[in-house]
Amino acid sequence: PIPEIGEDDALVRVTASGICRTDWHLWNGD
């Protein structure tokens, strides 16, 4: 589902997203 937002939130349509070394560490369970 598309995320629901609260009164202080914004819904952003993602047009670009990077791949960071941090993502690799998280995927690795490091």
ModelCIF file with pLDDT and N, C-alpha, C, O atoms, coordinates in Angstrom:
data_MODEL
#
_entry.id   MODEL 
#
_entity.id                         1 
_entity.type                       polymer 
_entity.pdbx_number_of_molecules   1 
#
_entity_poly.entity_id                      1 
_entity_poly.type                           'polypeptide(L)' 
_entity_poly.nstd_linkage                   no 
_entity_poly.nstd_monomer                   no 
_entity_poly.pdbx_seq_one_letter_code       PIPEIGEDDALVRVTASGICRTDWHLWNGD 
_entity_poly.pdbx_seq_one_letter_code_can   PIPEIGEDDALVRVTASGICRTDWHLWNGD 
_entity_poly.pdbx_strand_id                 A 
#
loop_
_entity_poly_seq.entity_id 
_entity_poly_seq.num 
_entity_poly_seq.mon_id 
_entity_poly_seq.hetero 
1 1  PRO n 
1 2  ILE n 
1 3  PRO n 
1 4  GLU n 
1 5  ILE n 
1 6  GLY n 
1 7  GLU n 
1 8  ASP n 
1 9  ASP n 
1 10 ALA n 
1 11 LEU n 
1 12 VAL n 
1 13 ARG n 
1 14 VAL n 
1 15 THR n 
1 16 ALA n 
1 17 SER n 
1 18 GLY n 
1 19 ILE n 
1 20 CYS n 
1 21 ARG n 
1 22 THR n 
1 23 ASP n 
1 24 TRP n 
1 25 HIS n 
1 26 LEU n 
1 27 TRP n 
1 28 ASN n 
1 29 GLY n 
1 30 ASP n 
#
_struct_asym.id          A 
_struct_asym.entity_id   1 
#
loop_
_ma_qa_metric.id 
_ma_qa_metric.mode 
_ma_qa_metric.name 
_ma_qa_metric.software_group_id 
_ma_qa_metric.type 
1 global pLDDT . pLDDT 
2 local  pLDDT . pLDDT 
#
_ma_qa_metric_global.metric_id      1 
_ma_qa_metric_global.metric_value   93.43 
_ma_qa_metric_global.model_id       1 
_ma_qa_metric_global.ordinal_id     1 
#
loop_
_ma_qa_metric_local.label_asym_id 
_ma_qa_metric_local.label_comp_id 
_ma_qa_metric_local.label_seq_id 
_ma_qa_metric_local.metric_id 
_ma_qa_metric_local.metric_value 
_ma_qa_metric_local.model_id 
_ma_qa_metric_local.ordinal_id 
A PRO 1  2 95.00 1 1  
A ILE 2  2 96.00 1 2  
A PRO 3  2 96.00 1 3  
A GLU 4  2 95.00 1 4  
A ILE 5  2 96.00 1 5  
A GLY 6  2 95.00 1 6  
A GLU 7  2 97.00 1 7  
A ASP 8  2 96.00 1 8  
A ASP 9  2 96.00 1 9  
A ALA 10 2 97.00 1 10 
A LEU 11 2 98.00 1 11 
A VAL 12 2 98.00 1 12 
A ARG 13 2 98.00 1 13 
A VAL 14 2 97.00 1 14 
A THR 15 2 97.00 1 15 
A ALA 16 2 96.00 1 16 
A SER 17 2 94.00 1 17 
A GLY 18 2 92.00 1 18 
A ILE 19 2 91.00 1 19 
A CYS 20 2 89.00 1 20 
A ARG 21 2 87.00 1 21 
A THR 22 2 88.00 1 22 
A ASP 23 2 91.00 1 23 
A TRP 24 2 91.00 1 24 
A HIS 25 2 90.00 1 25 
A LEU 26 2 90.00 1 26 
A TRP 27 2 92.00 1 27 
A ASN 28 2 91.00 1 28 
A GLY 29 2 87.00 1 29 
A ASP 30 2 87.00 1 30 
#
loop_
_atom_site.group_PDB 
_atom_site.id 
_atom_site.type_symbol 
_atom_site.label_atom_id 
_atom_site.label_alt_id 
_atom_site.label_comp_id 
_atom_site.label_asym_id 
_atom_site.label_entity_id 
_atom_site.label_seq_id 
_atom_site.pdbx_PDB_ins_code 
_atom_site.Cartn_x 
_atom_site.Cartn_y 
_atom_site.Cartn_z 
_atom_site.occupancy 
_atom_site.B_iso_or_equiv 
_atom_site.pdbx_formal_charge 
_atom_site.auth_seq_id 
_atom_site.auth_comp_id 
_atom_site.auth_asym_id 
_atom_site.auth_atom_id 
_atom_site.pdbx_PDB_model_num 
ATOM 1   N N  . PRO A 1 1  ? 0.822  -1.215 0.000   1.00 95.00 ? 1  PRO A N  1 
ATOM 2   C CA . PRO A 1 1  ? 0.000  0.000  0.000   1.00 95.00 ? 1  PRO A CA 1 
ATOM 3   C C  . PRO A 1 1  ? 0.858  1.268  0.000   1.00 95.00 ? 1  PRO A C  1 
ATOM 4   O O  . PRO A 1 1  ? 1.939  1.291  0.588   1.00 95.00 ? 1  PRO A O  1 
ATOM 5   N N  . ILE A 1 2  ? 0.376  2.311  -0.656  1.00 96.00 ? 2  ILE A N  1 
ATOM 6   C CA . ILE A 1 2  ? 1.021  3.623  -0.564  1.00 96.00 ? 2  ILE A CA 1 
ATOM 7   C C  . ILE A 1 2  ? 0.926  4.085  0.891   1.00 96.00 ? 2  ILE A C  1 
ATOM 8   O O  . ILE A 1 2  ? -0.141 3.977  1.495   1.00 96.00 ? 2  ILE A O  1 
ATOM 9   N N  . PRO A 1 3  ? 2.007  4.591  1.461   1.00 96.00 ? 3  PRO A N  1 
ATOM 10  C CA . PRO A 1 3  ? 1.993  4.946  2.892   1.00 96.00 ? 3  PRO A CA 1 
ATOM 11  C C  . PRO A 1 3  ? 0.933  5.985  3.235   1.00 96.00 ? 3  PRO A C  1 
ATOM 12  O O  . PRO A 1 3  ? 0.708  6.938  2.489   1.00 96.00 ? 3  PRO A O  1 
ATOM 13  N N  . GLU A 1 4  ? 0.291  5.783  4.372   1.00 95.00 ? 4  GLU A N  1 
ATOM 14  C CA . GLU A 1 4  ? -0.594 6.800  4.927   1.00 95.00 ? 4  GLU A CA 1 
ATOM 15  C C  . GLU A 1 4  ? 0.266  7.859  5.621   1.00 95.00 ? 4  GLU A C  1 
ATOM 16  O O  . GLU A 1 4  ? 1.331  7.539  6.148   1.00 95.00 ? 4  GLU A O  1 
ATOM 17  N N  . ILE A 1 5  ? -0.184 9.112  5.627   1.00 96.00 ? 5  ILE A N  1 
ATOM 18  C CA . ILE A 1 5  ? 0.593  10.161 6.289   1.00 96.00 ? 5  ILE A CA 1 
ATOM 19  C C  . ILE A 1 5  ? -0.226 10.794 7.404   1.00 96.00 ? 5  ILE A C  1 
ATOM 20  O O  . ILE A 1 5  ? -1.456 10.829 7.363   1.00 96.00 ? 5  ILE A O  1 
ATOM 21  N N  . GLY A 1 6  ? 0.506  11.299 8.413   1.00 95.00 ? 6  GLY A N  1 
ATOM 22  C CA . GLY A 1 6  ? -0.121 12.012 9.507   1.00 95.00 ? 6  GLY A CA 1 
ATOM 23  C C  . GLY A 1 6  ? -0.107 13.513 9.278   1.00 95.00 ? 6  GLY A C  1 
ATOM 24  O O  . GLY A 1 6  ? 0.282  13.984 8.209   1.00 95.00 ? 6  GLY A O  1 
ATOM 25  N N  . GLU A 1 7  ? -0.530 14.254 10.280  1.00 97.00 ? 7  GLU A N  1 
ATOM 26  C CA . GLU A 1 7  ? -0.665 15.708 10.140  1.00 97.00 ? 7  GLU A CA 1 
ATOM 27  C C  . GLU A 1 7  ? 0.666  16.414 9.931   1.00 97.00 ? 7  GLU A C  1 
ATOM 28  O O  . GLU A 1 7  ? 0.706  17.500 9.353   1.00 97.00 ? 7  GLU A O  1 
ATOM 29  N N  . ASP A 1 8  ? 1.756  15.808 10.395  1.00 96.00 ? 8  ASP A N  1 
ATOM 30  C CA . ASP A 1 8  ? 3.080  16.440 10.268  1.00 96.00 ? 8  ASP A CA 1 
ATOM 31  C C  . ASP A 1 8  ? 3.912  15.842 9.143   1.00 96.00 ? 8  ASP A C  1 
ATOM 32  O O  . ASP A 1 8  ? 5.074  16.213 8.973   1.00 96.00 ? 8  ASP A O  1 
ATOM 33  N N  . ASP A 1 9  ? 3.343  14.927 8.376   1.00 96.00 ? 9  ASP A N  1 
ATOM 34  C CA . ASP A 1 9  ? 4.101  14.168 7.385   1.00 96.00 ? 9  ASP A CA 1 
ATOM 35  C C  . ASP A 1 9  ? 3.876  14.694 5.974   1.00 96.00 ? 9  ASP A C  1 
ATOM 36  O O  . ASP A 1 9  ? 2.978  15.494 5.715   1.00 96.00 ? 9  ASP A O  1 
ATOM 37  N N  . ALA A 1 10 ? 4.726  14.214 5.073   1.00 97.00 ? 10 ALA A N  1 
ATOM 38  C CA . ALA A 1 10 ? 4.535  14.433 3.635   1.00 97.00 ? 10 ALA A CA 1 
ATOM 39  C C  . ALA A 1 10 ? 4.654  13.099 2.921   1.00 97.00 ? 10 ALA A C  1 
ATOM 40  O O  . ALA A 1 10 ? 5.402  12.217 3.342   1.00 97.00 ? 10 ALA A O  1 
ATOM 41  N N  . LEU A 1 11 ? 3.918  12.966 1.854   1.00 98.00 ? 11 LEU A N  1 
ATOM 42  C CA . LEU A 1 11 ? 4.069  11.823 0.953   1.00 98.00 ? 11 LEU A CA 1 
ATOM 43  C C  . LEU A 1 11 ? 4.868  12.306 -0.243  1.00 98.00 ? 11 LEU A C  1 
ATOM 44  O O  . LEU A 1 11 ? 4.467  13.251 -0.924  1.00 98.00 ? 11 LEU A O  1 
ATOM 45  N N  . VAL A 1 12 ? 5.993  11.662 -0.500  1.00 98.00 ? 12 VAL A N  1 
ATOM 46  C CA . VAL A 1 12 ? 6.894  12.066 -1.580  1.00 98.00 ? 12 VAL A CA 1 
ATOM 47  C C  . VAL A 1 12 ? 6.945  10.956 -2.625  1.00 98.00 ? 12 VAL A C  1 
ATOM 48  O O  . VAL A 1 12 ? 7.171  9.790  -2.300  1.00 98.00 ? 12 VAL A O  1 
ATOM 49  N N  . ARG A 1 13 ? 6.732  11.335 -3.885  1.00 98.00 ? 13 ARG A N  1 
ATOM 50  C CA . ARG A 1 13 ? 6.902  10.392 -4.994  1.00 98.00 ? 13 ARG A CA 1 
ATOM 51  C C  . ARG A 1 13 ? 8.382  10.342 -5.348  1.00 98.00 ? 13 ARG A C  1 
ATOM 52  O O  . ARG A 1 13 ? 8.970  11.354 -5.727  1.00 98.00 ? 13 ARG A O  1 
ATOM 53  N N  . VAL A 1 14 ? 8.973  9.177  -5.227  1.00 97.00 ? 14 VAL A N  1 
ATOM 54  C CA . VAL A 1 14 ? 10.412 9.023  -5.440  1.00 97.00 ? 14 VAL A CA 1 
ATOM 55  C C  . VAL A 1 14 ? 10.705 8.956  -6.932  1.00 97.00 ? 14 VAL A C  1 
ATOM 56  O O  . VAL A 1 14 ? 10.142 8.129  -7.650  1.00 97.00 ? 14 VAL A O  1 
ATOM 57  N N  . THR A 1 15 ? 11.588 9.831  -7.388  1.00 97.00 ? 15 THR A N  1 
ATOM 58  C CA . THR A 1 15 ? 12.012 9.793  -8.791  1.00 97.00 ? 15 THR A CA 1 
ATOM 59  C C  . THR A 1 15 ? 13.456 9.333  -8.936  1.00 97.00 ? 15 THR A C  1 
ATOM 60  O O  . THR A 1 15 ? 13.875 8.954  -10.030 1.00 97.00 ? 15 THR A O  1 
ATOM 61  N N  . ALA A 1 16 ? 14.229 9.361  -7.838  1.00 96.00 ? 16 ALA A N  1 
ATOM 62  C CA . ALA A 1 16 ? 15.606 8.872  -7.862  1.00 96.00 ? 16 ALA A CA 1 
ATOM 63  C C  . ALA A 1 16 ? 15.995 8.457  -6.450  1.00 96.00 ? 16 ALA A C  1 
ATOM 64  O O  . ALA A 1 16 ? 15.622 9.111  -5.476  1.00 96.00 ? 16 ALA A O  1 
ATOM 65  N N  . SER A 1 17 ? 16.742 7.374  -6.346  1.00 94.00 ? 17 SER A N  1 
ATOM 66  C CA . SER A 1 17 ? 17.190 6.914  -5.032  1.00 94.00 ? 17 SER A CA 1 
ATOM 67  C C  . SER A 1 17 ? 18.573 6.296  -5.167  1.00 94.00 ? 17 SER A C  1 
ATOM 68  O O  . SER A 1 17 ? 18.800 5.451  -6.033  1.00 94.00 ? 17 SER A O  1 
ATOM 69  N N  . GLY A 1 18 ? 19.493 6.719  -4.312  1.00 92.00 ? 18 GLY A N  1 
ATOM 70  C CA . GLY A 1 18 ? 20.856 6.225  -4.367  1.00 92.00 ? 18 GLY A CA 1 
ATOM 71  C C  . GLY A 1 18 ? 21.012 4.867  -3.687  1.00 92.00 ? 18 GLY A C  1 
ATOM 72  O O  . GLY A 1 18 ? 20.151 4.423  -2.928  1.00 92.00 ? 18 GLY A O  1 
ATOM 73  N N  . ILE A 1 19 ? 22.137 4.226  -3.986  1.00 91.00 ? 19 ILE A N  1 
ATOM 74  C CA . ILE A 1 19 ? 22.536 2.998  -3.308  1.00 91.00 ? 19 ILE A CA 1 
ATOM 75  C C  . ILE A 1 19 ? 23.810 3.311  -2.555  1.00 91.00 ? 19 ILE A C  1 
ATOM 76  O O  . ILE A 1 19 ? 24.836 3.617  -3.163  1.00 91.00 ? 19 ILE A O  1 
ATOM 77  N N  . CYS A 1 20 ? 23.752 3.238  -1.236  1.00 89.00 ? 20 CYS A N  1 
ATOM 78  C CA . CYS A 1 20 ? 24.854 3.643  -0.369  1.00 89.00 ? 20 CYS A CA 1 
ATOM 79  C C  . CYS A 1 20 ? 25.537 2.415  0.225   1.00 89.00 ? 20 CYS A C  1 
ATOM 80  O O  . CYS A 1 20 ? 24.928 1.352  0.348   1.00 89.00 ? 20 CYS A O  1 
ATOM 81  N N  . ARG A 1 21 ? 26.791 2.570  0.588   1.00 87.00 ? 21 ARG A N  1 
ATOM 82  C CA . ARG A 1 21 ? 27.497 1.486  1.276   1.00 87.00 ? 21 ARG A CA 1 
ATOM 83  C C  . ARG A 1 21 ? 26.763 1.079  2.555   1.00 87.00 ? 21 ARG A C  1 
ATOM 84  O O  . ARG A 1 21 ? 26.798 -0.082 2.961   1.00 87.00 ? 21 ARG A O  1 
ATOM 85  N N  . THR A 1 22 ? 26.100 2.051  3.182   1.00 88.00 ? 22 THR A N  1 
ATOM 86  C CA . THR A 1 22 ? 25.309 1.729  4.365   1.00 88.00 ? 22 THR A CA 1 
ATOM 87  C C  . THR A 1 22 ? 24.223 0.709  4.034   1.00 88.00 ? 22 THR A C  1 
ATOM 88  O O  . THR A 1 22 ? 23.962 -0.195 4.827   1.00 88.00 ? 22 THR A O  1 
ATOM 89  N N  . ASP A 1 23 ? 23.589 0.848  2.868   1.00 91.00 ? 23 ASP A N  1 
ATOM 90  C CA . ASP A 1 23 ? 22.581 -0.124 2.466   1.00 91.00 ? 23 ASP A CA 1 
ATOM 91  C C  . ASP A 1 23 ? 23.189 -1.519 2.364   1.00 91.00 ? 23 ASP A C  1 
ATOM 92  O O  . ASP A 1 23 ? 22.570 -2.507 2.761   1.00 91.00 ? 23 ASP A O  1 
ATOM 93  N N  . TRP A 1 24 ? 24.389 -1.588 1.836   1.00 91.00 ? 24 TRP A N  1 
ATOM 94  C CA . TRP A 1 24 ? 25.074 -2.879 1.723   1.00 91.00 ? 24 TRP A CA 1 
ATOM 95  C C  . TRP A 1 24 ? 25.346 -3.468 3.102   1.00 91.00 ? 24 TRP A C  1 
ATOM 96  O O  . TRP A 1 24 ? 25.146 -4.662 3.325   1.00 91.00 ? 24 TRP A O  1 
ATOM 97  N N  . HIS A 1 25 ? 25.805 -2.621 4.029   1.00 90.00 ? 25 HIS A N  1 
ATOM 98  C CA . HIS A 1 25 ? 26.043 -3.108 5.394   1.00 90.00 ? 25 HIS A CA 1 
ATOM 99  C C  . HIS A 1 25 ? 24.747 -3.620 6.025   1.00 90.00 ? 25 HIS A C  1 
ATOM 100 O O  . HIS A 1 25 ? 24.738 -4.666 6.675   1.00 90.00 ? 25 HIS A O  1 
ATOM 101 N N  . LEU A 1 26 ? 23.660 -2.883 5.831   1.00 90.00 ? 26 LEU A N  1 
ATOM 102 C CA . LEU A 1 26 ? 22.388 -3.307 6.399   1.00 90.00 ? 26 LEU A CA 1 
ATOM 103 C C  . LEU A 1 26 ? 21.925 -4.620 5.782   1.00 90.00 ? 26 LEU A C  1 
ATOM 104 O O  . LEU A 1 26 ? 21.465 -5.512 6.494   1.00 90.00 ? 26 LEU A O  1 
ATOM 105 N N  . TRP A 1 27 ? 22.042 -4.743 4.477   1.00 92.00 ? 27 TRP A N  1 
ATOM 106 C CA . TRP A 1 27 ? 21.678 -5.981 3.795   1.00 92.00 ? 27 TRP A CA 1 
ATOM 107 C C  . TRP A 1 27 ? 22.527 -7.152 4.278   1.00 92.00 ? 27 TRP A C  1 
ATOM 108 O O  . TRP A 1 27 ? 22.070 -8.294 4.325   1.00 92.00 ? 27 TRP A O  1 
ATOM 109 N N  . ASN A 1 28 ? 23.779 -6.844 4.637   1.00 91.00 ? 28 ASN A N  1 
ATOM 110 C CA . ASN A 1 28 ? 24.715 -7.865 5.120   1.00 91.00 ? 28 ASN A CA 1 
ATOM 111 C C  . ASN A 1 28 ? 24.448 -8.262 6.570   1.00 91.00 ? 28 ASN A C  1 
ATOM 112 O O  . ASN A 1 28 ? 24.924 -9.301 7.027   1.00 91.00 ? 28 ASN A O  1 
ATOM 113 N N  . GLY A 1 29 ? 23.680 -7.431 7.300   1.00 87.00 ? 29 GLY A N  1 
ATOM 114 C CA . GLY A 1 29 ? 23.474 -7.691 8.723   1.00 87.00 ? 29 GLY A CA 1 
ATOM 115 C C  . GLY A 1 29 ? 24.674 -7.341 9.565   1.00 87.00 ? 29 GLY A C  1 
ATOM 116 O O  . GLY A 1 29 ? 24.872 -7.909 10.639  1.00 87.00 ? 29 GLY A O  1 
ATOM 117 N N  . ASP A 1 30 ? 25.487 -6.398 9.082   1.00 87.00 ? 30 ASP A N  1 
ATOM 118 C CA . ASP A 1 30 ? 26.767 -6.110 9.737   1.00 87.00 ? 30 ASP A CA 1 
ATOM 119 C C  . ASP A 1 30 ? 26.633 -5.433 11.095  1.00 87.00 ? 30 ASP A C  1 
ATOM 120 O O  . ASP A 1 30 ? 27.639 -5.142 11.742  1.00 87.00 ? 30 ASP A O  1 
#
